[in-house]
Amino acid sequence: MKKTKIIILIIFMLSAVMTVISMRPSEKNIVEVVQDGKIIYTFDLLTAENQTIKIPSPDGNSSNTVTISDGKICMSDSECPDKICVKSGFLKSESIPVVCLPNRLVIRFGNEVN
């Protein structure tokens, strides 16, 4: 019984450490806006001007609004039904992108400006 408790405790501690590591803010400045697997925009957040970009969905029936403000990027509006992407807020972590599944749009950290 004692070994089982120790194993459970070790598993819990490892999962907690992995969660903390994955939530760490990114040190990258390059972000990509990807739709249907294709990069449609690349920005360097250190030099990007504050701007708002409206991106139509692939079927043209709805759109998303991407906003860059003070070196941060977010999905500020979406015509999708659940708006999880908008509720995600600003992109912070390399392991957790901002995603709008209905409109097949992703904001993620990238490696270089094209």
N, C-alpha and C. Protein backbone atom coordinates (compact mmCIF):
# COMPACT_ATOMS: atom_id res chain seq x y z
N MET A 1 0.82 -1.20 0.00
CA MET A 1 0.00 0.00 0.00
C MET A 1 0.87 1.27 0.00
N LYS A 2 1.95 1.23 0.74
CA LYS A 2 2.82 2.39 0.84
C LYS A 2 3.49 2.69 -0.50
N LYS A 3 3.89 1.65 -1.25
CA LYS A 3 4.50 1.85 -2.56
C LYS A 3 3.52 2.48 -3.53
N THR A 4 2.28 2.08 -3.47
CA THR A 4 1.25 2.64 -4.34
C THR A 4 1.09 4.14 -4.10
N LYS A 5 1.08 4.54 -2.84
CA LYS A 5 0.95 5.96 -2.52
C LYS A 5 2.15 6.76 -3.03
N ILE A 6 3.33 6.20 -2.90
CA ILE A 6 4.54 6.87 -3.37
C ILE A 6 4.51 7.01 -4.89
N ILE A 7 4.10 5.98 -5.59
CA ILE A 7 4.00 6.02 -7.05
C ILE A 7 2.99 7.06 -7.49
N ILE A 8 1.84 7.09 -6.84
CA ILE A 8 0.81 8.09 -7.16
C ILE A 8 1.33 9.49 -6.92
N LEU A 9 2.04 9.69 -5.81
CA LEU A 9 2.60 11.00 -5.49
C LEU A 9 3.63 11.43 -6.54
N ILE A 10 4.49 10.51 -6.98
CA ILE A 10 5.48 10.81 -8.00
C ILE A 10 4.81 11.17 -9.31
N ILE A 11 3.80 10.43 -9.71
CA ILE A 11 3.07 10.73 -10.95
C ILE A 11 2.41 12.09 -10.86
N PHE A 12 1.80 12.40 -9.73
CA PHE A 12 1.16 13.71 -9.54
C PHE A 12 2.18 14.83 -9.64
N MET A 13 3.33 14.67 -9.01
CA MET A 13 4.36 15.71 -9.03
C MET A 13 4.91 15.91 -10.44
N LEU A 14 5.13 14.82 -11.17
CA LEU A 14 5.62 14.94 -12.55
C LEU A 14 4.60 15.65 -13.44
N SER A 15 3.32 15.33 -13.28
CA SER A 15 2.31 16.00 -14.10
C SER A 15 2.21 17.48 -13.75
N ALA A 16 2.38 17.82 -12.47
CA ALA A 16 2.35 19.23 -12.07
C ALA A 16 3.53 19.99 -12.67
N VAL A 17 4.71 19.39 -12.66
CA VAL A 17 5.89 20.03 -13.25
C VAL A 17 5.70 20.21 -14.75
N MET A 18 5.17 19.21 -15.44
CA MET A 18 4.94 19.30 -16.88
C MET A 18 3.93 20.41 -17.20
N THR A 19 2.91 20.55 -16.37
CA THR A 19 1.92 21.61 -16.58
C THR A 19 2.56 22.98 -16.43
N VAL A 20 3.37 23.16 -15.42
CA VAL A 20 4.04 24.45 -15.20
C VAL A 20 4.97 24.77 -16.36
N ILE A 21 5.71 23.78 -16.84
CA ILE A 21 6.63 23.99 -17.95
C ILE A 21 5.87 24.38 -19.21
N SER A 22 4.74 23.74 -19.49
CA SER A 22 3.99 24.03 -20.71
C SER A 22 3.31 25.39 -20.65
N MET A 23 3.06 25.93 -19.49
CA MET A 23 2.39 27.22 -19.35
C MET A 23 3.37 28.39 -19.31
N ARG A 24 4.65 28.11 -19.35
CA ARG A 24 5.67 29.15 -19.29
C ARG A 24 5.53 30.11 -20.48
N PRO A 25 5.57 31.42 -20.24
CA PRO A 25 5.47 32.36 -21.36
C PRO A 25 6.60 32.15 -22.37
N SER A 26 6.27 32.36 -23.62
CA SER A 26 7.26 32.17 -24.67
C SER A 26 8.23 33.34 -24.71
N GLU A 27 9.47 33.03 -25.07
CA GLU A 27 10.47 34.07 -25.28
C GLU A 27 10.57 34.41 -26.76
N LYS A 28 9.80 33.72 -27.60
CA LYS A 28 9.82 34.00 -29.04
C LYS A 28 9.00 35.24 -29.34
N ASN A 29 9.34 35.91 -30.43
CA ASN A 29 8.63 37.12 -30.85
C ASN A 29 7.93 36.92 -32.19
N ILE A 30 8.25 35.85 -32.89
CA ILE A 30 7.67 35.59 -34.20
C ILE A 30 6.38 34.80 -34.03
N VAL A 31 5.30 35.29 -34.63
CA VAL A 31 4.03 34.57 -34.58
C VAL A 31 3.53 34.32 -36.00
N GLU A 32 2.77 33.25 -36.15
CA GLU A 32 2.19 32.89 -37.44
C GLU A 32 0.68 32.79 -37.29
N VAL A 33 -0.02 33.27 -38.29
CA VAL A 33 -1.46 33.07 -38.38
C VAL A 33 -1.65 32.04 -39.49
N VAL A 34 -2.24 30.91 -39.13
CA VAL A 34 -2.33 29.77 -40.02
C VAL A 34 -3.80 29.43 -40.26
N GLN A 35 -4.15 29.23 -41.54
CA GLN A 35 -5.52 28.82 -41.87
C GLN A 35 -5.45 27.61 -42.79
N ASP A 36 -6.17 26.58 -42.42
CA ASP A 36 -6.15 25.32 -43.19
C ASP A 36 -4.74 24.78 -43.40
N GLY A 37 -3.87 24.95 -42.41
CA GLY A 37 -2.52 24.43 -42.49
C GLY A 37 -1.53 25.29 -43.26
N LYS A 38 -1.99 26.43 -43.79
CA LYS A 38 -1.11 27.31 -44.55
C LYS A 38 -0.89 28.62 -43.78
N ILE A 39 0.37 29.04 -43.71
CA ILE A 39 0.69 30.30 -43.03
C ILE A 39 0.21 31.44 -43.91
N ILE A 40 -0.71 32.26 -43.39
CA ILE A 40 -1.22 33.39 -44.17
C ILE A 40 -0.61 34.72 -43.73
N TYR A 41 -0.13 34.79 -42.48
CA TYR A 41 0.56 35.98 -41.99
C TYR A 41 1.67 35.55 -41.04
N THR A 42 2.77 36.30 -41.05
CA THR A 42 3.85 36.12 -40.08
C THR A 42 4.21 37.51 -39.56
N PHE A 43 4.34 37.62 -38.24
CA PHE A 43 4.66 38.91 -37.63
C PHE A 43 5.80 38.75 -36.63
N ASP A 44 6.62 39.78 -36.54
CA ASP A 44 7.58 39.91 -35.45
C ASP A 44 6.94 40.87 -34.46
N LEU A 45 6.55 40.37 -33.30
CA LEU A 45 5.82 41.20 -32.34
C LEU A 45 6.64 42.35 -31.79
N LEU A 46 7.97 42.28 -31.91
CA LEU A 46 8.81 43.39 -31.46
C LEU A 46 8.71 44.60 -32.37
N THR A 47 8.42 44.35 -33.66
CA THR A 47 8.40 45.45 -34.62
C THR A 47 7.02 45.68 -35.25
N ALA A 48 6.08 44.78 -35.01
CA ALA A 48 4.76 44.90 -35.65
C ALA A 48 4.00 46.11 -35.11
N GLU A 49 3.37 46.82 -36.03
CA GLU A 49 2.53 47.95 -35.64
C GLU A 49 1.23 47.43 -35.05
N ASN A 50 0.62 48.24 -34.17
CA ASN A 50 -0.70 47.89 -33.67
C ASN A 50 -1.65 47.87 -34.86
N GLN A 51 -2.39 46.77 -35.00
CA GLN A 51 -3.29 46.64 -36.14
C GLN A 51 -4.36 45.61 -35.88
N THR A 52 -5.40 45.67 -36.69
CA THR A 52 -6.50 44.71 -36.64
C THR A 52 -6.69 44.17 -38.05
N ILE A 53 -6.78 42.83 -38.15
CA ILE A 53 -6.92 42.18 -39.45
C ILE A 53 -8.16 41.29 -39.41
N LYS A 54 -9.04 41.48 -40.37
CA LYS A 54 -10.23 40.62 -40.48
C LYS A 54 -9.92 39.51 -41.48
N ILE A 55 -10.09 38.26 -41.04
CA ILE A 55 -9.74 37.10 -41.87
C ILE A 55 -11.01 36.28 -42.13
N PRO A 56 -11.44 36.19 -43.39
CA PRO A 56 -12.63 35.39 -43.70
C PRO A 56 -12.37 33.91 -43.52
N SER A 57 -13.40 33.17 -43.14
CA SER A 57 -13.28 31.71 -43.03
C SER A 57 -13.11 31.12 -44.43
N PRO A 58 -12.62 29.89 -44.53
CA PRO A 58 -12.43 29.28 -45.85
C PRO A 58 -13.70 29.21 -46.69
N ASP A 59 -14.86 29.05 -46.04
CA ASP A 59 -16.11 28.98 -46.80
C ASP A 59 -16.72 30.36 -47.05
N GLY A 60 -16.14 31.40 -46.45
CA GLY A 60 -16.60 32.77 -46.67
C GLY A 60 -17.86 33.14 -45.90
N ASN A 61 -18.35 32.26 -45.05
CA ASN A 61 -19.60 32.53 -44.32
C ASN A 61 -19.40 33.24 -42.99
N SER A 62 -18.17 33.32 -42.52
CA SER A 62 -17.89 34.00 -41.26
C SER A 62 -16.46 34.53 -41.30
N SER A 63 -16.03 35.14 -40.20
CA SER A 63 -14.68 35.68 -40.17
C SER A 63 -14.16 35.76 -38.74
N ASN A 64 -12.87 35.98 -38.62
CA ASN A 64 -12.21 36.22 -37.34
C ASN A 64 -11.48 37.55 -37.44
N THR A 65 -11.33 38.20 -36.32
CA THR A 65 -10.55 39.43 -36.25
C THR A 65 -9.34 39.18 -35.36
N VAL A 66 -8.16 39.39 -35.93
CA VAL A 66 -6.90 39.23 -35.20
C VAL A 66 -6.39 40.63 -34.88
N THR A 67 -5.98 40.83 -33.63
CA THR A 67 -5.50 42.14 -33.20
C THR A 67 -4.09 42.03 -32.64
N ILE A 68 -3.22 42.92 -33.11
CA ILE A 68 -1.89 43.07 -32.54
C ILE A 68 -1.89 44.39 -31.79
N SER A 69 -1.53 44.33 -30.50
CA SER A 69 -1.55 45.53 -29.67
C SER A 69 -0.40 45.47 -28.67
N ASP A 70 0.44 46.46 -28.71
CA ASP A 70 1.56 46.59 -27.76
C ASP A 70 2.40 45.32 -27.68
N GLY A 71 2.72 44.74 -28.84
CA GLY A 71 3.60 43.58 -28.88
C GLY A 71 2.94 42.26 -28.49
N LYS A 72 1.61 42.23 -28.47
CA LYS A 72 0.87 41.00 -28.15
C LYS A 72 -0.16 40.77 -29.25
N ILE A 73 -0.58 39.51 -29.42
CA ILE A 73 -1.53 39.16 -30.47
C ILE A 73 -2.65 38.29 -29.89
N CYS A 74 -3.87 38.53 -30.38
CA CYS A 74 -5.01 37.74 -29.93
C CYS A 74 -6.06 37.68 -31.03
N MET A 75 -7.02 36.80 -30.84
CA MET A 75 -8.20 36.74 -31.69
C MET A 75 -9.24 37.59 -30.94
N SER A 76 -9.45 38.80 -31.40
CA SER A 76 -10.29 39.73 -30.66
C SER A 76 -11.78 39.57 -30.95
N ASP A 77 -12.11 38.94 -32.08
CA ASP A 77 -13.52 38.71 -32.40
C ASP A 77 -13.62 37.53 -33.35
N SER A 78 -14.75 36.85 -33.28
CA SER A 78 -14.98 35.72 -34.16
C SER A 78 -16.48 35.55 -34.36
N GLU A 79 -16.84 35.14 -35.56
CA GLU A 79 -18.25 34.87 -35.85
C GLU A 79 -18.59 33.40 -35.65
N CYS A 80 -17.70 32.65 -35.00
CA CYS A 80 -17.98 31.24 -34.70
C CYS A 80 -18.94 31.19 -33.51
N PRO A 81 -19.63 30.07 -33.33
CA PRO A 81 -20.66 30.00 -32.29
C PRO A 81 -20.13 30.03 -30.85
N ASP A 82 -18.99 29.41 -30.56
CA ASP A 82 -18.57 29.29 -29.16
C ASP A 82 -17.58 30.35 -28.69
N LYS A 83 -16.85 30.96 -29.58
CA LYS A 83 -15.89 32.04 -29.28
C LYS A 83 -14.81 31.64 -28.28
N ILE A 84 -14.45 30.37 -28.25
CA ILE A 84 -13.37 29.91 -27.37
C ILE A 84 -12.07 30.61 -27.73
N CYS A 85 -11.86 30.85 -29.02
CA CYS A 85 -10.64 31.53 -29.47
C CYS A 85 -10.54 32.93 -28.88
N VAL A 86 -11.64 33.64 -28.82
CA VAL A 86 -11.66 35.00 -28.27
C VAL A 86 -11.41 34.94 -26.76
N LYS A 87 -12.03 33.96 -26.10
CA LYS A 87 -11.87 33.81 -24.65
C LYS A 87 -10.46 33.39 -24.27
N SER A 88 -9.69 32.86 -25.23
CA SER A 88 -8.31 32.44 -24.94
C SER A 88 -7.41 33.62 -24.62
N GLY A 89 -7.76 34.80 -25.07
CA GLY A 89 -6.95 35.99 -24.80
C GLY A 89 -5.71 36.05 -25.67
N PHE A 90 -4.70 36.74 -25.17
CA PHE A 90 -3.45 36.92 -25.93
C PHE A 90 -2.65 35.63 -25.95
N LEU A 91 -1.94 35.41 -27.05
CA LEU A 91 -1.06 34.26 -27.19
C LEU A 91 0.08 34.41 -26.19
N LYS A 92 0.30 33.36 -25.37
CA LYS A 92 1.32 33.45 -24.32
C LYS A 92 2.36 32.33 -24.41
N SER A 93 1.90 31.13 -24.69
CA SER A 93 2.75 29.95 -24.57
C SER A 93 2.94 29.27 -25.91
N GLU A 94 4.14 28.74 -26.13
CA GLU A 94 4.42 28.01 -27.37
C GLU A 94 3.60 26.73 -27.45
N SER A 95 3.25 26.17 -26.32
CA SER A 95 2.53 24.89 -26.33
C SER A 95 1.02 25.05 -26.35
N ILE A 96 0.51 26.27 -26.22
CA ILE A 96 -0.94 26.48 -26.24
C ILE A 96 -1.27 27.60 -27.24
N PRO A 97 -1.54 27.24 -28.50
CA PRO A 97 -1.89 28.27 -29.49
C PRO A 97 -3.32 28.77 -29.28
N VAL A 98 -3.65 29.87 -29.94
CA VAL A 98 -5.03 30.35 -29.98
C VAL A 98 -5.67 29.70 -31.21
N VAL A 99 -6.78 28.99 -31.03
CA VAL A 99 -7.35 28.19 -32.11
C VAL A 99 -8.84 28.46 -32.25
N CYS A 100 -9.28 28.66 -33.50
CA CYS A 100 -10.70 28.72 -33.84
C CYS A 100 -10.98 27.52 -34.74
N LEU A 101 -11.50 26.46 -34.17
CA LEU A 101 -11.76 25.25 -34.94
C LEU A 101 -12.80 25.43 -36.03
N PRO A 102 -13.95 26.11 -35.75
CA PRO A 102 -14.94 26.24 -36.83
C PRO A 102 -14.42 26.96 -38.07
N ASN A 103 -13.54 27.94 -37.87
CA ASN A 103 -13.01 28.71 -39.00
C ASN A 103 -11.61 28.25 -39.40
N ARG A 104 -11.12 27.19 -38.78
CA ARG A 104 -9.83 26.56 -39.12
C ARG A 104 -8.68 27.57 -39.11
N LEU A 105 -8.61 28.36 -38.03
CA LEU A 105 -7.61 29.41 -37.91
C LEU A 105 -6.82 29.22 -36.62
N VAL A 106 -5.49 29.38 -36.71
CA VAL A 106 -4.61 29.19 -35.55
C VAL A 106 -3.63 30.35 -35.48
N ILE A 107 -3.39 30.85 -34.27
CA ILE A 107 -2.31 31.80 -34.02
C ILE A 107 -1.31 31.05 -33.16
N ARG A 108 -0.04 30.99 -33.60
CA ARG A 108 0.98 30.24 -32.87
C ARG A 108 2.33 30.93 -33.00
N PHE A 109 3.24 30.58 -32.11
CA PHE A 109 4.59 31.09 -32.22
C PHE A 109 5.30 30.34 -33.34
N GLY A 110 6.11 31.05 -34.11
CA GLY A 110 6.84 30.47 -35.23
C GLY A 110 8.34 30.68 -35.03
N ASN A 111 9.08 30.43 -36.10
CA ASN A 111 10.54 30.50 -36.00
C ASN A 111 11.16 31.69 -36.70
N GLU A 112 10.60 32.13 -37.83
CA GLU A 112 11.22 33.24 -38.56
C GLU A 112 10.18 33.96 -39.41
N VAL A 113 10.46 35.21 -39.71
CA VAL A 113 9.58 35.99 -40.57
C VAL A 113 9.89 35.64 -42.01
N ASN A 114 8.85 35.32 -42.79
CA ASN A 114 9.05 35.00 -44.22
C ASN A 114 9.06 36.24 -45.06
